[in-house]
Amino acid sequence: MKSDLLDLAMILHSRTDRAVRVSDDGDLKKSVWLPLSQCEVSPEAPGRAVTITLPEWLAIEKRLV
């Protein structure tokens, strides 16, 4: 069975109780908000590289892949 989850290396810009703002290159202008209900972030370190685990459909919708 194929998993539809992806692990992406991203830069964490900010976090709220419900979402994280990330980009693939550290450029805030190109960042996107991802709902925490649909993804996991580890480790949570604003301004640093993190791994985002999210469904493939969400990565496509947000143009991350």
Protein backbone atom coordinates (compact mmCIF):
# COMPACT_ATOMS: atom_id res chain seq x y z
CA MET A 1 0.00 0.00 0.00
CA LYS A 2 1.41 3.39 -1.02
CA SER A 3 1.50 6.15 1.58
CA ASP A 4 0.28 9.55 0.46
CA LEU A 5 2.42 11.35 3.06
CA LEU A 6 5.45 13.39 2.08
CA ASP A 7 8.36 14.68 4.17
CA LEU A 8 9.58 18.07 2.98
CA ALA A 9 12.54 20.10 4.23
CA MET A 10 11.24 23.63 4.84
CA ILE A 11 12.07 26.82 6.73
CA LEU A 12 9.63 27.62 9.54
CA HIS A 13 8.70 31.31 9.62
CA SER A 14 5.95 31.37 12.22
CA ARG A 15 3.40 29.27 14.06
CA THR A 16 -0.06 29.84 15.48
CA ASP A 17 -2.27 27.45 17.41
CA ARG A 18 -3.74 26.24 14.13
CA ALA A 19 -1.15 26.69 11.37
CA VAL A 20 2.50 27.06 10.42
CA ARG A 21 3.99 29.41 7.84
CA VAL A 22 6.80 27.80 5.86
CA SER A 23 8.85 28.23 2.70
CA ASP A 24 11.33 26.04 0.87
CA ASP A 25 14.00 28.76 0.56
CA GLY A 26 13.53 31.05 3.57
CA ASP A 27 11.82 33.78 1.50
CA LEU A 28 8.83 35.07 3.49
CA LYS A 29 7.22 36.38 0.27
CA LYS A 30 7.06 32.82 -1.07
CA SER A 31 5.86 31.24 2.17
CA VAL A 32 2.57 29.40 2.62
CA TRP A 33 0.36 28.62 5.57
CA LEU A 34 -0.27 24.95 6.36
CA PRO A 35 -2.95 23.81 8.80
CA LEU A 36 -1.55 21.90 11.75
CA SER A 37 -4.58 19.61 11.51
CA GLN A 38 -3.08 18.30 8.24
CA CYS A 39 0.65 18.26 8.95
CA GLU A 40 3.37 17.59 11.49
CA VAL A 41 6.45 19.74 12.09
CA SER A 42 9.70 18.52 13.61
CA PRO A 43 11.63 19.96 15.22
CA GLU A 44 9.72 23.18 15.81
CA ALA A 45 12.38 25.86 15.54
CA PRO A 46 11.28 29.16 13.94
CA GLY A 47 13.78 30.47 11.42
CA ARG A 48 15.39 27.07 11.04
CA ALA A 49 15.08 24.06 8.80
CA VAL A 50 12.30 21.69 9.79
CA THR A 51 10.71 18.60 8.33
CA ILE A 52 7.04 18.94 7.41
CA THR A 53 5.07 15.73 7.03
CA LEU A 54 1.89 16.33 5.06
CA PRO A 55 -0.48 14.64 2.61
CA GLU A 56 0.59 14.72 -1.03
CA TRP A 57 -2.66 16.46 -2.07
CA LEU A 58 -1.91 19.37 0.29
CA ALA A 59 1.67 19.71 -0.96
CA ILE A 60 0.33 19.87 -4.53
CA GLU A 61 -2.43 22.35 -3.61
CA LYS A 62 0.12 24.67 -1.94
CA ARG A 63 2.59 24.19 -4.84
CA LEU A 64 5.29 22.73 -2.62
CA VAL A 65 6.02 19.88 -5.05
